């Protein structure tokens, strides 16, 4: 879904205290770039890399970031996970494997809620992700307070690095987002008023009577109710009503009068 608008300011930044994304021992530059793109999609910019296998900076990461180069330019490199998380108060570890550790295990949706809650209290928060081959080591998971596990298909639970980052970033953004779940773009029109809908009903029903459609008479009330309910479900705008009435008028012009 391409929808980047370069004229708009980012809605989040490092200064907005978004969670830190820590990639531990990432292997391929391409995956780092895709993870950076996922971060930028949801307004995250603080990326920390722990011992990237192919070194840093990495041209392949830039090529696959699809415009999220600002995330890569700010990325910091550390030798160990301990160094990368040293300034953080709350650490979450994203992993698909059971670790047999006594730790809270939460879904990405719950993680999004808790990340927002932590940050609202002024805490610095980070999410750990492991490398492509084996994920996080147990030694890295031990450094976290909470484990994030997605409710994926247990027979195929492997997410790639960028998918995992995107999932957590999306849930964080969603948890703090006030966007309405659904909206209708009306542009230069507006929802039809009850009076406009009643005018449409009357116009249509008069023409249907003239055409002999609302027959026999004893069934007419039920037929009218069904037609009105059908039209009400459509959620007409004022423009829709005018268009519909124009269509009815055009269709009625060529009809011979009933005998």
C-alpha atoms as a PDB file:
ATOM      1  CA  UNK A   1       0.000   0.000   0.000  1.00  0.00           C
ATOM      2  CA  UNK A   2       1.992   2.954  -1.253  1.00  0.00           C
ATOM      3  CA  UNK A   3       0.945   6.210   0.350  1.00  0.00           C
ATOM      4  CA  UNK A   4       4.019   8.220   1.319  1.00  0.00           C
ATOM      5  CA  UNK A   5       3.502  11.983   1.349  1.00  0.00           C
ATOM      6  CA  UNK A   6       6.863  13.751   1.603  1.00  0.00           C
ATOM      7  CA  UNK A   7       5.122  17.073   2.334  1.00  0.00           C
ATOM      8  CA  UNK A   8       3.868  15.845   5.703  1.00  0.00           C
ATOM      9  CA  UNK A   9       5.924  15.954   8.881  1.00  0.00           C
ATOM     10  CA  UNK A  10       6.601  12.652  10.674  1.00  0.00           C
ATOM     11  CA  UNK A  11       3.954  11.957  13.290  1.00  0.00           C
ATOM     12  CA  UNK A  12       6.491  10.461  15.717  1.00  0.00           C
ATOM     13  CA  UNK A  13      10.180  10.884  16.319  1.00  0.00           C
ATOM     14  CA  UNK A  14      12.842   9.819  18.783  1.00  0.00           C
ATOM     15  CA  UNK A  15      11.936  12.890  20.810  1.00  0.00           C
ATOM     16  CA  UNK A  16       8.372  11.544  21.053  1.00  0.00           C
ATOM     17  CA  UNK A  17       9.790   8.645  23.101  1.00  0.00           C
ATOM     18  CA  UNK A  18       8.845   5.835  20.793  1.00  0.00           C
ATOM     19  CA  UNK A  19      10.219   2.446  21.803  1.00  0.00           C
ATOM     20  CA  UNK A  20      13.813   1.632  20.880  1.00  0.00           C
ATOM     21  CA  UNK A  21      14.239  -1.231  18.417  1.00  0.00           C
ATOM     22  CA  UNK A  22      17.293  -3.385  19.125  1.00  0.00           C
ATOM     23  CA  UNK A  23      18.394  -5.913  16.502  1.00  0.00           C
ATOM     24  CA  UNK A  24      20.782  -8.425  18.047  1.00  0.00           C
ATOM     25  CA  UNK A  25      23.278  -9.997  15.638  1.00  0.00           C
ATOM     26  CA  UNK A  26      21.330  -9.251  12.444  1.00  0.00           C
ATOM     27  CA  UNK A  27      22.872 -11.000   9.473  1.00  0.00           C
ATOM     28  CA  UNK A  28      21.772  -9.476   6.174  1.00  0.00           C
ATOM     29  CA  UNK A  29      21.803  -5.783   5.401  1.00  0.00           C
ATOM     30  CA  UNK A  30      18.620  -6.248   3.373  1.00  0.00           C
ATOM     31  CA  UNK A  31      16.738  -7.351   6.484  1.00  0.00           C
ATOM     32  CA  UNK A  32      18.023  -4.393   8.487  1.00  0.00           C
ATOM     33  CA  UNK A  33      16.785  -2.090   5.733  1.00  0.00           C
ATOM     34  CA  UNK A  34      13.364  -3.729   5.685  1.00  0.00           C
ATOM     35  CA  UNK A  35      13.150  -3.500   9.467  1.00  0.00           C
ATOM     36  CA  UNK A  36      13.989   0.207   9.237  1.00  0.00           C
ATOM     37  CA  UNK A  37      11.212   0.623   6.683  1.00  0.00           C
ATOM     38  CA  UNK A  38       8.775  -1.084   9.062  1.00  0.00           C
ATOM     39  CA  UNK A  39       9.865   1.275  11.841  1.00  0.00           C
ATOM     40  CA  UNK A  40       9.371   4.339   9.663  1.00  0.00           C
ATOM     41  CA  UNK A  41       5.906   3.142   8.658  1.00  0.00           C
ATOM     42  CA  UNK A  42       4.791   3.568  12.258  1.00  0.00           C
ATOM     43  CA  UNK A  43       6.882   6.539  13.320  1.00  0.00           C
ATOM     44  CA  UNK A  44       9.822   4.847  15.054  1.00  0.00           C
ATOM     45  CA  UNK A  45      13.367   6.054  14.505  1.00  0.00           C
ATOM     46  CA  UNK A  46      15.654   4.793  17.316  1.00  0.00           C
ATOM     47  CA  UNK A  47      17.372   1.729  15.836  1.00  0.00           C
ATOM     48  CA  UNK A  48      20.224  -0.005  17.626  1.00  0.00           C
ATOM     49  CA  UNK A  49      22.295  -2.771  16.064  1.00  0.00           C
ATOM     50  CA  UNK A  50      24.269  -5.312  18.039  1.00  0.00           C
ATOM     51  CA  UNK A  51      27.242  -6.760  16.137  1.00  0.00           C
ATOM     52  CA  UNK A  52      25.730  -6.834  12.629  1.00  0.00           C
ATOM     53  CA  UNK A  53      27.379  -9.706  10.765  1.00  0.00           C
ATOM     54  CA  UNK A  54      28.152  -7.789   7.565  1.00  0.00           C
ATOM     55  CA  UNK A  55      29.342  -4.611   9.269  1.00  0.00           C
ATOM     56  CA  UNK A  56      27.910  -1.127   9.319  1.00  0.00           C
ATOM     57  CA  UNK A  57      27.038   1.004   7.393  1.00  0.00           C
ATOM     58  CA  UNK A  58      25.666  -1.385   4.808  1.00  0.00           C
ATOM     59  CA  UNK A  59      24.678  -0.380   1.275  1.00  0.00           C
ATOM     60  CA  UNK A  60      22.203  -3.251   0.956  1.00  0.00           C
ATOM     61  CA  UNK A  61      20.328  -1.940   3.975  1.00  0.00           C
ATOM     62  CA  UNK A  62      19.976   1.477   2.363  1.00  0.00           C
ATOM     63  CA  UNK A  63      18.772  -0.062  -0.903  1.00  0.00           C
ATOM     64  CA  UNK A  64      15.961  -1.986   0.781  1.00  0.00           C
ATOM     65  CA  UNK A  65      14.874   0.704   3.244  1.00  0.00           C
ATOM     66  CA  UNK A  66      12.645   2.302   0.561  1.00  0.00           C
ATOM     67  CA  UNK A  67      13.122   5.862   1.764  1.00  0.00           C
ATOM     68  CA  UNK A  68      13.582   5.106   5.465  1.00  0.00           C
ATOM     69  CA  UNK A  69      17.232   6.141   5.244  1.00  0.00           C
ATOM     70  CA  UNK A  70      16.793   8.581   8.158  1.00  0.00           C
ATOM     71  CA  UNK A  71      16.320   5.574  10.463  1.00  0.00           C
ATOM     72  CA  UNK A  72      19.526   3.976   9.179  1.00  0.00           C
ATOM     73  CA  UNK A  73      21.496   7.221   9.380  1.00  0.00           C
ATOM     74  CA  UNK A  74      20.643   7.544  13.070  1.00  0.00           C
ATOM     75  CA  UNK A  75      21.243   3.862  13.841  1.00  0.00           C
ATOM     76  CA  UNK A  76      23.817   3.126  16.547  1.00  0.00           C
ATOM     77  CA  UNK A  77      26.036   0.055  16.688  1.00  0.00           C
ATOM     78  CA  UNK A  78      26.976  -1.787  19.879  1.00  0.00           C
ATOM     79  CA  UNK A  79      29.190  -4.749  20.611  1.00  0.00           C
ATOM     80  CA  UNK A  80      26.823  -6.425  23.071  1.00  0.00           C
ATOM     81  CA  UNK A  81      23.127  -6.452  23.934  1.00  0.00           C
ATOM     82  CA  UNK A  82      24.035  -5.265  27.448  1.00  0.00           C
ATOM     83  CA  UNK A  83      25.586  -2.107  26.005  1.00  0.00           C
ATOM     84  CA  UNK A  84      22.662  -1.509  23.635  1.00  0.00           C
ATOM     85  CA  UNK A  85      20.051  -1.579  26.415  1.00  0.00           C
ATOM     86  CA  UNK A  86      22.093   0.010  29.217  1.00  0.00           C
ATOM     87  CA  UNK A  87      20.032   3.228  29.334  1.00  0.00           C
ATOM     88  CA  UNK A  88      16.599   1.556  29.088  1.00  0.00           C
ATOM     89  CA  UNK A  89      14.181   1.002  31.954  1.00  0.00           C
ATOM     90  CA  UNK A  90      11.930  -1.627  30.378  1.00  0.00           C
ATOM     91  CA  UNK A  91      13.069  -4.327  27.967  1.00  0.00           C
ATOM     92  CA  UNK A  92      10.786  -6.607  25.988  1.00  0.00           C
ATOM     93  CA  UNK A  93      12.107  -9.620  24.046  1.00  0.00           C
ATOM     94  CA  UNK A  94      10.303 -10.703  20.880  1.00  0.00           C
ATOM     95  CA  UNK A  95      10.702 -14.432  20.325  1.00  0.00           C
ATOM     96  CA  UNK A  96       8.689 -17.247  18.766  1.00  0.00           C
ATOM     97  CA  UNK A  97      10.243 -20.051  20.825  1.00  0.00           C
ATOM     98  CA  UNK A  98       9.325 -21.180  24.309  1.00  0.00           C
ATOM     99  CA  UNK A  99      12.238 -20.388  26.620  1.00  0.00           C
ATOM    100  CA  UNK A 100      11.109 -22.179  29.799  1.00  0.00           C
ATOM    101  CA  UNK A 101      11.793 -19.027  31.776  1.00  0.00           C
ATOM    102  CA  UNK A 102       9.551 -17.619  34.471  1.00  0.00           C
ATOM    103  CA  UNK A 103       8.606 -14.405  32.705  1.00  0.00           C
ATOM    104  CA  UNK A 104       5.348 -12.774  31.597  1.00  0.00           C
ATOM    105  CA  UNK A 105       4.525 -13.746  27.999  1.00  0.00           C
ATOM    106  CA  UNK A 106       2.248 -11.308  26.183  1.00  0.00           C
ATOM    107  CA  UNK A 107       0.850 -10.834  22.690  1.00  0.00           C
ATOM    108  CA  UNK A 108       1.959  -7.970  20.420  1.00  0.00           C
ATOM    109  CA  UNK A 109      -1.402  -6.275  21.060  1.00  0.00           C
ATOM    110  CA  UNK A 110      -0.836  -6.328  24.814  1.00  0.00           C
ATOM    111  CA  UNK A 111       2.759  -5.245  24.243  1.00  0.00           C
ATOM    112  CA  UNK A 112       1.528  -2.208  22.327  1.00  0.00           C
ATOM    113  CA  UNK A 113      -0.681  -1.232  25.253  1.00  0.00           C
ATOM    114  CA  UNK A 114       2.086  -1.739  27.808  1.00  0.00           C
ATOM    115  CA  UNK A 115       4.658   0.125  25.730  1.00  0.00           C
ATOM    116  CA  UNK A 116       2.345   3.136  25.632  1.00  0.00           C
ATOM    117  CA  UNK A 117       1.716   2.822  29.356  1.00  0.00           C
ATOM    118  CA  UNK A 118       5.428   2.619  30.156  1.00  0.00           C
ATOM    119  CA  UNK A 119       6.257   5.625  28.012  1.00  0.00           C
ATOM    120  CA  UNK A 120       3.385   7.649  29.512  1.00  0.00           C
ATOM    121  CA  UNK A 121       5.177   7.184  32.849  1.00  0.00           C
ATOM    122  CA  UNK A 122       8.359   8.619  31.360  1.00  0.00           C
ATOM    123  CA  UNK A 123      10.179   5.293  31.130  1.00  0.00           C
ATOM    124  CA  UNK A 124      12.583   4.482  28.301  1.00  0.00           C
ATOM    125  CA  UNK A 125      11.560   1.271  26.562  1.00  0.00           C
ATOM    126  CA  UNK A 126      13.185  -1.116  24.116  1.00  0.00           C
ATOM    127  CA  UNK A 127      12.199  -4.234  22.197  1.00  0.00           C
ATOM    128  CA  UNK A 128      14.826  -6.881  21.421  1.00  0.00           C
ATOM    129  CA  UNK A 129      14.766  -8.881  18.185  1.00  0.00           C
ATOM    130  CA  UNK A 130      17.169 -11.686  17.326  1.00  0.00           C
ATOM    131  CA  UNK A 131      19.061 -12.488  14.158  1.00  0.00           C
ATOM    132  CA  UNK A 132      17.607 -14.296  11.181  1.00  0.00           C
ATOM    133  CA  UNK A 133      19.140 -17.720  11.739  1.00  0.00           C
ATOM    134  CA  UNK A 134      18.293 -18.500  15.360  1.00  0.00           C
ATOM    135  CA  UNK A 135      16.522 -15.510  16.885  1.00  0.00           C
ATOM    136  CA  UNK A 136      17.470 -14.209  20.310  1.00  0.00           C
ATOM    137  CA  UNK A 137      19.847 -16.172  22.478  1.00  0.00           C
ATOM    138  CA  UNK A 138      18.680 -17.238  25.929  1.00  0.00           C
ATOM    139  CA  UNK A 139      21.321 -14.910  27.360  1.00  0.00           C
ATOM    140  CA  UNK A 140      19.647 -11.979  25.597  1.00  0.00           C
ATOM    141  CA  UNK A 141      16.139 -13.026  26.627  1.00  0.00           C
ATOM    142  CA  UNK A 142      17.280 -13.156  30.270  1.00  0.00           C
ATOM    143  CA  UNK A 143      17.985  -9.418  30.060  1.00  0.00           C
ATOM    144  CA  UNK A 144      14.320  -8.651  29.385  1.00  0.00           C
ATOM    145  CA  UNK A 145      11.451  -8.354  31.834  1.00  0.00           C
ATOM    146  CA  UNK A 146       8.752  -9.499  29.404  1.00  0.00           C
ATOM    147  CA  UNK A 147       8.516 -11.795  26.380  1.00  0.00           C
ATOM    148  CA  UNK A 148       6.401 -10.937  23.328  1.00  0.00           C
ATOM    149  CA  UNK A 149       4.999 -13.870  21.351  1.00  0.00           C
ATOM    150  CA  UNK A 150       2.626 -13.497  18.422  1.00  0.00           C
ATOM    151  CA  UNK A 151      -0.328 -15.925  18.158  1.00  0.00           C
ATOM    152  CA  UNK A 152       0.892 -17.350  14.865  1.00  0.00           C
ATOM    153  CA  UNK A 153       0.309 -20.783  13.341  1.00  0.00           C
ATOM    154  CA  UNK A 154       2.184 -23.145  15.701  1.00  0.00           C
ATOM    155  CA  UNK A 155       3.061 -25.400  12.765  1.00  0.00           C
ATOM    156  CA  UNK A 156       4.794 -22.475  11.015  1.00  0.00           C
ATOM    157  CA  UNK A 157       5.736 -19.864  13.607  1.00  0.00           C
ATOM    158  CA  UNK A 158       8.703 -18.305  11.820  1.00  0.00           C
ATOM    159  CA  UNK A 159       8.429 -14.572  11.128  1.00  0.00           C
ATOM    160  CA  UNK A 160      11.212 -12.824   9.284  1.00  0.00           C
ATOM    161  CA  UNK A 161      12.971  -9.951  11.029  1.00  0.00           C
ATOM    162  CA  UNK A 162      11.098  -7.128   9.299  1.00  0.00           C
ATOM    163  CA  UNK A 163       7.723  -8.837   9.854  1.00  0.00           C
ATOM    164  CA  UNK A 164       8.413  -9.154  13.566  1.00  0.00           C
ATOM    165  CA  UNK A 165       9.446  -5.500  13.858  1.00  0.00           C
ATOM    166  CA  UNK A 166       6.438  -4.367  11.851  1.00  0.00           C
ATOM    167  CA  UNK A 167       4.034  -6.374  14.004  1.00  0.00           C
ATOM    168  CA  UNK A 168       5.244  -4.838  17.261  1.00  0.00           C
ATOM    169  CA  UNK A 169       5.554  -1.331  15.796  1.00  0.00           C
ATOM    170  CA  UNK A 170       2.014  -1.531  14.414  1.00  0.00           C
ATOM    171  CA  UNK A 171       0.537  -2.630  17.726  1.00  0.00           C
ATOM    172  CA  UNK A 172       2.365   0.164  19.553  1.00  0.00           C
ATOM    173  CA  UNK A 173       1.101   2.739  17.090  1.00  0.00           C
ATOM    174  CA  UNK A 174      -2.438   1.354  17.171  1.00  0.00           C
ATOM    175  CA  UNK A 175      -2.559   1.366  20.978  1.00  0.00           C
ATOM    176  CA  UNK A 176      -1.822   5.082  21.071  1.00  0.00           C
ATOM    177  CA  UNK A 177      -3.802   6.083  17.999  1.00  0.00           C
ATOM    178  CA  UNK A 178      -7.069   7.998  18.168  1.00  0.00           C
ATOM    179  CA  UNK A 179      -8.057   7.407  14.538  1.00  0.00           C
ATOM    180  CA  UNK A 180     -11.665   6.293  14.160  1.00  0.00           C
ATOM    181  CA  UNK A 181     -11.961   2.584  13.245  1.00  0.00           C
ATOM    182  CA  UNK A 182     -13.918   3.499  10.118  1.00  0.00           C
ATOM    183  CA  UNK A 183     -14.685   6.674   8.191  1.00  0.00           C
ATOM    184  CA  UNK A 184     -16.384   7.729   4.976  1.00  0.00           C
ATOM    185  CA  UNK A 185     -14.685  10.284   2.737  1.00  0.00           C
ATOM    186  CA  UNK A 186     -17.496  12.582   1.587  1.00  0.00           C
ATOM    187  CA  UNK A 187     -15.378  15.213  -0.206  1.00  0.00           C
ATOM    188  CA  UNK A 188     -17.819  17.852  -1.529  1.00  0.00           C
ATOM    189  CA  UNK A 189     -21.060  16.169  -0.526  1.00  0.00           C
ATOM    190  CA  UNK A 190     -22.725  15.235   2.783  1.00  0.00           C
ATOM    191  CA  UNK A 191     -25.004  12.526   4.131  1.00  0.00           C
ATOM    192  CA  UNK A 192     -28.557  12.810   2.799  1.00  0.00           C
ATOM    193  CA  UNK A 193     -31.153  14.260   5.150  1.00  0.00           C
ATOM    194  CA  UNK A 194     -34.307  12.373   6.091  1.00  0.00           C
ATOM    195  CA  UNK A 195     -36.327  14.811   3.982  1.00  0.00           C
ATOM    196  CA  UNK A 196     -34.159  14.106   0.929  1.00  0.00           C
ATOM    197  CA  UNK A 197     -34.522  10.369   1.406  1.00  0.00           C
ATOM    198  CA  UNK A 198     -38.292  10.709   1.782  1.00  0.00           C
ATOM    199  CA  UNK A 199     -38.366  12.710  -1.456  1.00  0.00           C
ATOM    200  CA  UNK A 200     -36.478   9.882  -3.173  1.00  0.00           C
ATOM    201  CA  UNK A 201     -38.888   7.298  -1.749  1.00  0.00           C
ATOM    202  CA  UNK A 202     -41.900   9.231  -2.978  1.00  0.00           C
ATOM    203  CA  UNK A 203     -40.435   9.785  -6.430  1.00  0.00           C
ATOM    204  CA  UNK A 204     -39.422   6.143  -6.860  1.00  0.00           C
ATOM    205  CA  UNK A 205     -42.662   4.729  -5.508  1.00  0.00           C
ATOM    206  CA  UNK A 206     -44.759   6.968  -7.755  1.00  0.00           C
ATOM    207  CA  UNK A 207     -42.887   5.719 -10.802  1.00  0.00           C
ATOM    208  CA  UNK A 208     -43.118   2.101  -9.646  1.00  0.00           C
ATOM    209  CA  UNK A 209     -46.884   2.543  -9.199  1.00  0.00           C
ATOM    210  CA  UNK A 210     -47.098   3.978 -12.704  1.00  0.00           C
ATOM    211  CA  UNK A 211     -45.098   1.030 -14.076  1.00  0.00           C
ATOM    212  CA  UNK A 212     -47.319  -1.479 -12.289  1.00  0.00           C
ATOM    213  CA  UNK A 213     -44.496  -2.865 -10.173  1.00  0.00           C
ATOM    214  CA  UNK A 214     -46.150  -2.405  -6.755  1.00  0.00           C
ATOM    215  CA  UNK A 215     -48.831  -4.977  -7.400  1.00  0.00           C
ATOM    216  CA  UNK A 216     -51.090  -6.488  -6.138  1.00  0.00           C
ATOM    217  CA  UNK A 217     -52.395  -3.724  -3.846  1.00  0.00           C
ATOM    218  CA  UNK A 218     -52.440  -5.878  -0.706  1.00  0.00           C
ATOM    219  CA  UNK A 219     -48.689  -6.509  -1.052  1.00  0.00           C
ATOM    220  CA  UNK A 220     -47.793  -2.890  -1.737  1.00  0.00           C
ATOM    221  CA  UNK A 221     -47.070  -1.857   1.906  1.00  0.00           C
ATOM    222  CA  UNK A 222     -44.613  -4.710   2.454  1.00  0.00           C
ATOM    223  CA  UNK A 223     -42.917  -4.085  -0.904  1.00  0.00           C
ATOM    224  CA  UNK A 224     -42.537  -0.383  -0.094  1.00  0.00           C
ATOM    225  CA  UNK A 225     -40.996  -1.176   3.294  1.00  0.00           C
ATOM    226  CA  UNK A 226     -38.492  -3.556   1.718  1.00  0.00           C
ATOM    227  CA  UNK A 227     -37.491  -1.026  -0.936  1.00  0.00           C
ATOM    228  CA  UNK A 228     -37.071   1.748   1.634  1.00  0.00           C
ATOM    229  CA  UNK A 229     -34.989  -0.472   3.916  1.00  0.00           C
ATOM    230  CA  UNK A 230     -32.803  -1.462   0.983  1.00  0.00           C
ATOM    231  CA  UNK A 231     -32.168   2.177   0.082  1.00  0.00           C
ATOM    232  CA  UNK A 232     -31.551   3.171   3.711  1.00  0.00           C
ATOM    233  CA  UNK A 233     -28.859   0.522   4.062  1.00  0.00           C
ATOM    234  CA  UNK A 234     -26.934   2.104   1.193  1.00  0.00           C
ATOM    235  CA  UNK A 235     -26.080   5.196   3.272  1.00  0.00           C
ATOM    236  CA  UNK A 236     -26.905   7.721   0.540  1.00  0.00           C
ATOM    237  CA  UNK A 237     -25.244  11.112   0.282  1.00  0.00           C
ATOM    238  CA  UNK A 238     -27.046  14.207  -0.967  1.00  0.00           C
ATOM    239  CA  UNK A 239     -25.298  13.700  -4.336  1.00  0.00           C
ATOM    240  CA  UNK A 240     -26.430  10.067  -4.424  1.00  0.00           C
ATOM    241  CA  UNK A 241     -30.059  11.134  -3.955  1.00  0.00           C
ATOM    242  CA  UNK A 242     -29.861  13.674  -6.781  1.00  0.00           C
ATOM    243  CA  UNK A 243     -28.195  11.116  -9.061  1.00  0.00           C
ATOM    244  CA  UNK A 244     -30.780   8.450  -8.261  1.00  0.00           C
ATOM    245  CA  UNK A 245     -33.683  10.802  -8.864  1.00  0.00           C
ATOM    246  CA  UNK A 246     -32.154  11.845 -12.171  1.00  0.00           C
ATOM    247  CA  UNK A 247     -31.874   8.177 -13.167  1.00  0.00           C
ATOM    248  CA  UNK A 248     -35.508   7.521 -12.218  1.00  0.00           C
ATOM    249  CA  UNK A 249     -36.618  10.532 -14.213  1.00  0.00           C
ATOM    250  CA  UNK A 250     -34.605   9.469 -17.256  1.00  0.00           C
ATOM    251  CA  UNK A 251     -36.001   5.928 -17.177  1.00  0.00           C
ATOM    252  CA  UNK A 252     -39.578   7.160 -16.887  1.00  0.00           C
ATOM    253  CA  UNK A 253     -39.368   9.428 -19.957  1.00  0.00           C
ATOM    254  CA  UNK A 254     -39.504   6.620 -22.497  1.00  0.00           C
ATOM    255  CA  UNK A 255     -42.211   4.615 -20.795  1.00  0.00           C
ATOM    256  CA  UNK A 256     -45.608   4.664 -22.457  1.00  0.00           C
ATOM    257  CA  UNK A 257     -48.512   5.599 -20.175  1.00  0.00           C
ATOM    258  CA  UNK A 258     -50.470   2.786 -18.598  1.00  0.00           C
ATOM    259  CA  UNK A 259     -53.884   2.086 -20.064  1.00  0.00           C
END
